[in-house]
C-alpha atoms as a PDB file:
ATOM      1  CA  MET A   1      59.146  36.698 218.635  1.00  0.00           C
ATOM      2  CA  GLY A   2      59.440  36.196 222.230  1.00  0.00           C
ATOM      3  CA  VAL A   3      62.202  37.702 224.449  1.00  0.00           C
ATOM      4  CA  ILE A   4      63.974  34.416 225.189  1.00  0.00           C
ATOM      5  CA  THR A   5      63.847  33.510 221.423  1.00  0.00           C
ATOM      6  CA  LEU A   6      65.154  36.844 220.529  1.00  0.00           C
ATOM      7  CA  MET A   7      67.944  36.705 223.173  1.00  0.00           C
ATOM      8  CA  SER A   8      68.868  33.053 222.194  1.00  0.00           C
ATOM      9  CA  VAL A   9      69.191  34.237 218.516  1.00  0.00           C
ATOM     10  CA  TRP A  10      71.363  37.163 219.269  1.00  0.00           C
ATOM     11  CA  VAL A  11      73.617  36.032 222.212  1.00  0.00           C
ATOM     12  CA  ILE A  12      76.196  34.182 220.216  1.00  0.00           C
ATOM     13  CA  PRO A  13      76.721  36.822 217.488  1.00  0.00           C
ATOM     14  CA  LEU A  14      76.632  39.674 219.966  1.00  0.00           C
ATOM     15  CA  PHE A  15      79.191  37.853 222.056  1.00  0.00           C
ATOM     16  CA  ILE A  16      81.492  37.260 218.916  1.00  0.00           C
ATOM     17  CA  LEU A  17      81.166  40.921 218.101  1.00  0.00           C
ATOM     18  CA  PHE A  18      82.042  41.996 221.565  1.00  0.00           C
ATOM     19  CA  VAL A  19      85.254  39.782 221.468  1.00  0.00           C
ATOM     20  CA  LEU A  20      86.320  41.172 218.063  1.00  0.00           C
ATOM     21  CA  VAL A  21      85.789  44.852 219.160  1.00  0.00           C
ATOM     22  CA  VAL A  22      87.752  44.233 222.370  1.00  0.00           C
ATOM     23  CA  ALA A  23      90.569  42.626 220.405  1.00  0.00           C
ATOM     24  CA  MET A  24      90.489  45.438 217.968  1.00  0.00           C
ATOM     25  CA  LYS A  25      90.643  48.091 220.694  1.00  0.00           C
ATOM     26  CA  LYS A  26      93.574  46.216 222.410  1.00  0.00           C
ATOM     27  CA  LYS A  27      95.237  45.715 219.000  1.00  0.00           C
ATOM     28  CA  LEU A  28      95.475  42.066 219.269  1.00  0.00           C
ATOM     29  CA  PRO A  29      95.515  39.754 216.065  1.00  0.00           C
ATOM     30  CA  ALA A  30      91.992  38.059 216.687  1.00  0.00           C
ATOM     31  CA  TYR A  31      92.174  35.814 213.689  1.00  0.00           C
ATOM     32  CA  GLU A  32      95.753  34.565 214.527  1.00  0.00           C
ATOM     33  CA  LEU A  33      94.760  33.945 218.011  1.00  0.00           C
ATOM     34  CA  PHE A  34      91.802  32.004 217.043  1.00  0.00           C
ATOM     35  CA  VAL A  35      93.805  29.800 214.797  1.00  0.00           C
ATOM     36  CA  GLU A  36      96.386  29.296 217.490  1.00  0.00           C
ATOM     37  CA  GLY A  37      93.544  28.172 219.835  1.00  0.00           C
ATOM     38  CA  GLY A  38      92.148  25.939 217.472  1.00  0.00           C
ATOM     39  CA  LYS A  39      95.668  24.068 217.047  1.00  0.00           C
ATOM     40  CA  GLU A  40      95.736  23.908 220.828  1.00  0.00           C
ATOM     41  CA  GLY A  41      92.427  22.332 220.802  1.00  0.00           C
ATOM     42  CA  ILE A  42      93.287  19.496 218.331  1.00  0.00           C
ATOM     43  CA  ASP A  43      96.462  18.824 220.297  1.00  0.00           C
ATOM     44  CA  MET A  44      94.355  18.615 223.550  1.00  0.00           C
ATOM     45  CA  ALA A  45      91.790  16.226 221.745  1.00  0.00           C
ATOM     46  CA  PHE A  46      94.599  13.858 220.435  1.00  0.00           C
ATOM     47  CA  SER A  47      96.145  13.800 224.117  1.00  0.00           C
ATOM     48  CA  LEU A  48      92.817  12.928 225.702  1.00  0.00           C
ATOM     49  CA  LEU A  49      91.805  10.166 223.221  1.00  0.00           C
ATOM     50  CA  PRO A  50      93.719   7.323 225.032  1.00  0.00           C
ATOM     51  CA  PHE A  51      91.808   8.069 228.312  1.00  0.00           C
ATOM     52  CA  LEU A  52      88.562   8.182 226.664  1.00  0.00           C
ATOM     53  CA  VAL A  53      89.124   4.930 224.611  1.00  0.00           C
ATOM     54  CA  GLY A  54      90.111   3.088 227.769  1.00  0.00           C
ATOM     55  CA  MET A  55      87.097   4.348 229.657  1.00  0.00           C
ATOM     56  CA  LEU A  56      84.661   3.360 226.707  1.00  0.00           C
ATOM     57  CA  VAL A  57      86.294  -0.156 226.580  1.00  0.00           C
ATOM     58  CA  SER A  58      85.873  -0.525 230.306  1.00  0.00           C
ATOM     59  CA  ILE A  59      82.162   0.174 230.041  1.00  0.00           C
ATOM     60  CA  THR A  60      81.689  -2.171 227.131  1.00  0.00           C
ATOM     61  CA  ILE A  61      83.536  -5.041 229.108  1.00  0.00           C
ATOM     62  CA  LEU A  62      81.539  -4.421 232.244  1.00  0.00           C
ATOM     63  CA  ARG A  63      78.181  -4.666 230.232  1.00  0.00           C
ATOM     64  CA  SER A  64      79.151  -7.501 227.738  1.00  0.00           C
ATOM     65  CA  SER A  65      80.851  -9.764 230.358  1.00  0.00           C
ATOM     66  CA  GLY A  66      77.579 -10.291 232.226  1.00  0.00           C
ATOM     67  CA  ALA A  67      79.374  -8.848 235.466  1.00  0.00           C
ATOM     68  CA  LEU A  68      76.809  -6.042 235.766  1.00  0.00           C
ATOM     69  CA  ASP A  69      73.850  -8.628 235.575  1.00  0.00           C
ATOM     70  CA  ALA A  70      75.412 -10.834 238.244  1.00  0.00           C
ATOM     71  CA  PHE A  71      75.902  -7.862 240.464  1.00  0.00           C
ATOM     72  CA  ILE A  72      72.512  -6.905 240.170  1.00  0.00           C
ATOM     73  CA  GLN A  73      70.998 -10.165 240.920  1.00  0.00           C
ATOM     74  CA  LEU A  74      73.262 -10.367 243.894  1.00  0.00           C
ATOM     75  CA  ILE A  75      71.826  -7.090 245.378  1.00  0.00           C
ATOM     76  CA  SER A  76      68.353  -7.559 244.293  1.00  0.00           C
ATOM     77  CA  PRO A  77      66.924  -9.034 247.512  1.00  0.00           C
ATOM     78  CA  VAL A  78      68.207  -5.912 249.338  1.00  0.00           C
ATOM     79  CA  LEU A  79      66.925  -3.391 246.736  1.00  0.00           C
ATOM     80  CA  THR A  80      63.498  -5.144 246.700  1.00  0.00           C
ATOM     81  CA  PHE A  81      63.524  -4.593 250.649  1.00  0.00           C
ATOM     82  CA  LEU A  82      64.403  -0.955 250.117  1.00  0.00           C
ATOM     83  CA  ARG A  83      61.642  -0.683 247.496  1.00  0.00           C
ATOM     84  CA  VAL A  84      64.350   0.286 244.853  1.00  0.00           C
ATOM     85  CA  PRO A  85      63.798  -1.119 241.519  1.00  0.00           C
ATOM     86  CA  PRO A  86      66.843  -3.327 240.449  1.00  0.00           C
ATOM     87  CA  GLU A  87      66.258  -2.047 237.015  1.00  0.00           C
ATOM     88  CA  ILE A  88      67.723   1.271 237.796  1.00  0.00           C
ATOM     89  CA  VAL A  89      71.310  -0.132 239.151  1.00  0.00           C
ATOM     90  CA  PRO A  90      72.919  -0.048 235.742  1.00  0.00           C
ATOM     91  CA  LEU A  91      72.052   3.603 235.317  1.00  0.00           C
ATOM     92  CA  ALA A  92      73.408   4.293 238.949  1.00  0.00           C
ATOM     93  CA  LEU A  93      76.733   2.440 238.120  1.00  0.00           C
ATOM     94  CA  ILE A  94      77.239   3.772 234.535  1.00  0.00           C
ATOM     95  CA  ARG A  95      76.335   7.544 235.226  1.00  0.00           C
ATOM     96  CA  PRO A  96      79.483   8.511 236.992  1.00  0.00           C
ATOM     97  CA  ILE A  97      81.596   6.887 234.164  1.00  0.00           C
ATOM     98  CA  SER A  98      79.814   7.961 230.928  1.00  0.00           C
ATOM     99  CA  GLY A  99      76.967  10.449 230.116  1.00  0.00           C
ATOM    100  CA  THR A 100      76.298   8.971 226.746  1.00  0.00           C
ATOM    101  CA  ALA A 101      75.970   5.497 228.116  1.00  0.00           C
ATOM    102  CA  ALA A 102      73.697   6.802 230.991  1.00  0.00           C
ATOM    103  CA  LEU A 103      71.610   8.759 228.606  1.00  0.00           C
ATOM    104  CA  GLY A 104      71.145   5.553 226.312  1.00  0.00           C
ATOM    105  CA  LEU A 105      70.307   3.450 229.462  1.00  0.00           C
ATOM    106  CA  THR A 106      67.776   6.381 230.454  1.00  0.00           C
ATOM    107  CA  ALA A 107      66.314   6.155 227.170  1.00  0.00           C
ATOM    108  CA  GLU A 108      66.068   2.496 227.216  1.00  0.00           C
ATOM    109  CA  LEU A 109      64.301   2.557 230.591  1.00  0.00           C
ATOM    110  CA  THR A 110      61.918   5.183 229.513  1.00  0.00           C
ATOM    111  CA  GLN A 111      61.009   3.361 226.327  1.00  0.00           C
ATOM    112  CA  THR A 112      60.525   0.084 228.151  1.00  0.00           C
ATOM    113  CA  TYR A 113      58.623   1.305 231.267  1.00  0.00           C
ATOM    114  CA  GLY A 114      57.282   4.444 229.834  1.00  0.00           C
ATOM    115  CA  PRO A 115      58.043   8.214 230.983  1.00  0.00           C
ATOM    116  CA  ASP A 116      55.292   8.439 233.513  1.00  0.00           C
ATOM    117  CA  SER A 117      56.266   5.124 235.224  1.00  0.00           C
ATOM    118  CA  PHE A 118      58.260   5.232 238.501  1.00  0.00           C
ATOM    119  CA  ILE A 119      61.188   3.808 236.677  1.00  0.00           C
ATOM    120  CA  GLY A 120      60.990   6.181 234.046  1.00  0.00           C
ATOM    121  CA  ARG A 121      60.675   9.170 236.532  1.00  0.00           C
ATOM    122  CA  LEU A 122      63.481   7.867 238.640  1.00  0.00           C
ATOM    123  CA  ALA A 123      65.813   7.356 235.442  1.00  0.00           C
ATOM    124  CA  ALA A 124      65.147  10.949 234.454  1.00  0.00           C
ATOM    125  CA  THR A 125      65.716  12.359 238.146  1.00  0.00           C
ATOM    126  CA  MET A 126      68.797  10.247 238.539  1.00  0.00           C
ATOM    127  CA  GLN A 127      70.087  11.529 235.101  1.00  0.00           C
ATOM    128  CA  GLY A 128      69.684  15.034 236.206  1.00  0.00           C
ATOM    129  CA  SER A 129      70.920  14.578 239.946  1.00  0.00           C
ATOM    130  CA  THR A 130      74.202  13.123 239.173  1.00  0.00           C
ATOM    131  CA  ASP A 131      77.423  13.732 237.031  1.00  0.00           C
ATOM    132  CA  THR A 132      79.976  11.924 234.990  1.00  0.00           C
ATOM    133  CA  THR A 133      82.628  12.131 237.614  1.00  0.00           C
ATOM    134  CA  LEU A 134      85.135   9.729 236.111  1.00  0.00           C
ATOM    135  CA  TYR A 135      84.673  11.249 232.651  1.00  0.00           C
ATOM    136  CA  ILE A 136      85.272  14.760 234.075  1.00  0.00           C
ATOM    137  CA  LEU A 137      88.222  13.609 236.064  1.00  0.00           C
ATOM    138  CA  THR A 138      89.708  11.739 233.110  1.00  0.00           C
ATOM    139  CA  VAL A 139      89.098  14.704 230.650  1.00  0.00           C
ATOM    140  CA  TYR A 140      90.223  17.632 232.958  1.00  0.00           C
ATOM    141  CA  PHE A 141      92.886  15.907 234.957  1.00  0.00           C
ATOM    142  CA  GLY A 142      94.341  14.359 231.772  1.00  0.00           C
ATOM    143  CA  ALA A 143      94.296  17.668 230.028  1.00  0.00           C
ATOM    144  CA  VAL A 144      96.671  19.204 232.646  1.00  0.00           C
ATOM    145  CA  GLY A 145      98.722  15.997 233.299  1.00  0.00           C
ATOM    146  CA  ILE A 146      97.525  15.397 236.838  1.00  0.00           C
ATOM    147  CA  THR A 147      97.866  11.597 237.531  1.00  0.00           C
ATOM    148  CA  ARG A 148      96.933  11.821 241.347  1.00  0.00           C
ATOM    149  CA  MET A 149      93.253  12.657 241.830  1.00  0.00           C
ATOM    150  CA  ARG A 150      93.140  11.976 245.598  1.00  0.00           C
ATOM    151  CA  TYR A 151      90.296  13.697 247.105  1.00  0.00           C
ATOM    152  CA  ALA A 152      88.611  14.803 244.041  1.00  0.00           C
ATOM    153  CA  LEU A 153      87.693  11.200 243.105  1.00  0.00           C
ATOM    154  CA  LYS A 154      86.363  10.548 246.580  1.00  0.00           C
ATOM    155  CA  VAL A 155      84.247  13.586 246.871  1.00  0.00           C
ATOM    156  CA  GLY A 156      83.054  13.305 243.305  1.00  0.00           C
ATOM    157  CA  LEU A 157      81.916   9.673 243.873  1.00  0.00           C
ATOM    158  CA  LEU A 158      80.324  10.769 247.275  1.00  0.00           C
ATOM    159  CA  ALA A 159      78.569  13.442 245.538  1.00  0.00           C
ATOM    160  CA  ASP A 160      77.104  11.032 242.977  1.00  0.00           C
ATOM    161  CA  LEU A 161      76.054   8.508 245.591  1.00  0.00           C
ATOM    162  CA  ILE A 162      74.241  11.388 247.518  1.00  0.00           C
ATOM    163  CA  GLY A 163      72.552  12.432 244.171  1.00  0.00           C
ATOM    164  CA  ILE A 164      71.492   8.814 243.532  1.00  0.00           C
ATOM    165  CA  ILE A 165      70.085   8.396 246.994  1.00  0.00           C
ATOM    166  CA  MET A 166      68.299  11.812 246.956  1.00  0.00           C
ATOM    167  CA  ALA A 167      66.840  11.017 243.368  1.00  0.00           C
ATOM    168  CA  ILE A 168      65.293   7.745 244.894  1.00  0.00           C
ATOM    169  CA  VAL A 169      63.997   9.479 247.942  1.00  0.00           C
ATOM    170  CA  ILE A 170      62.639  12.473 246.230  1.00  0.00           C
ATOM    171  CA  THR A 171      60.978  10.407 243.320  1.00  0.00           C
ATOM    172  CA  THR A 172      59.488   8.138 245.827  1.00  0.00           C
ATOM    173  CA  ILE A 173      58.022  10.865 247.969  1.00  0.00           C
ATOM    174  CA  VAL A 174      56.794  12.888 244.932  1.00  0.00           C
ATOM    175  CA  PHE A 175      55.610  10.047 242.495  1.00  0.00           C
ATOM    176  CA  SER A 176      54.659   7.387 244.852  1.00  0.00           C
ATOM    177  CA  SER A 177      50.712   6.671 244.676  1.00  0.00           C
END
């Protein structure tokens, strides 16, 4: 058994043991605190549910209405001029909204074009270079009751745009033949 495998098997049990020893040393009721934390987690999940449902409905409407396809057709000449495959646009637009939807699109692109194709490599690079900004803001800001996102939204979306641009540039440099 390798060192990494051995560590991965023992890290969580040792962490739990460490927490229990510290709780016992500080004379804290570990089980009761665990149950209380679980209750708070369930309350948090229920409070976030409306935000998550709203986000998922928005994504479904965007894809089902044909608005996404119309947008891609509109910007297709510019993308072709820049040598960016139009097939990647849905991933670039969905990635800041939903990680699950983006992963589904990445799998679809990889299955359609192949993992060693330019589009497959670009989709994988883009998946790893960006984040689910709107999901993160919805969950974390919603969890603590913040309604004004101000600069967090702007900076998060700017970081996603830079990640998308750099994914295109780096994939083009590394994998173009």
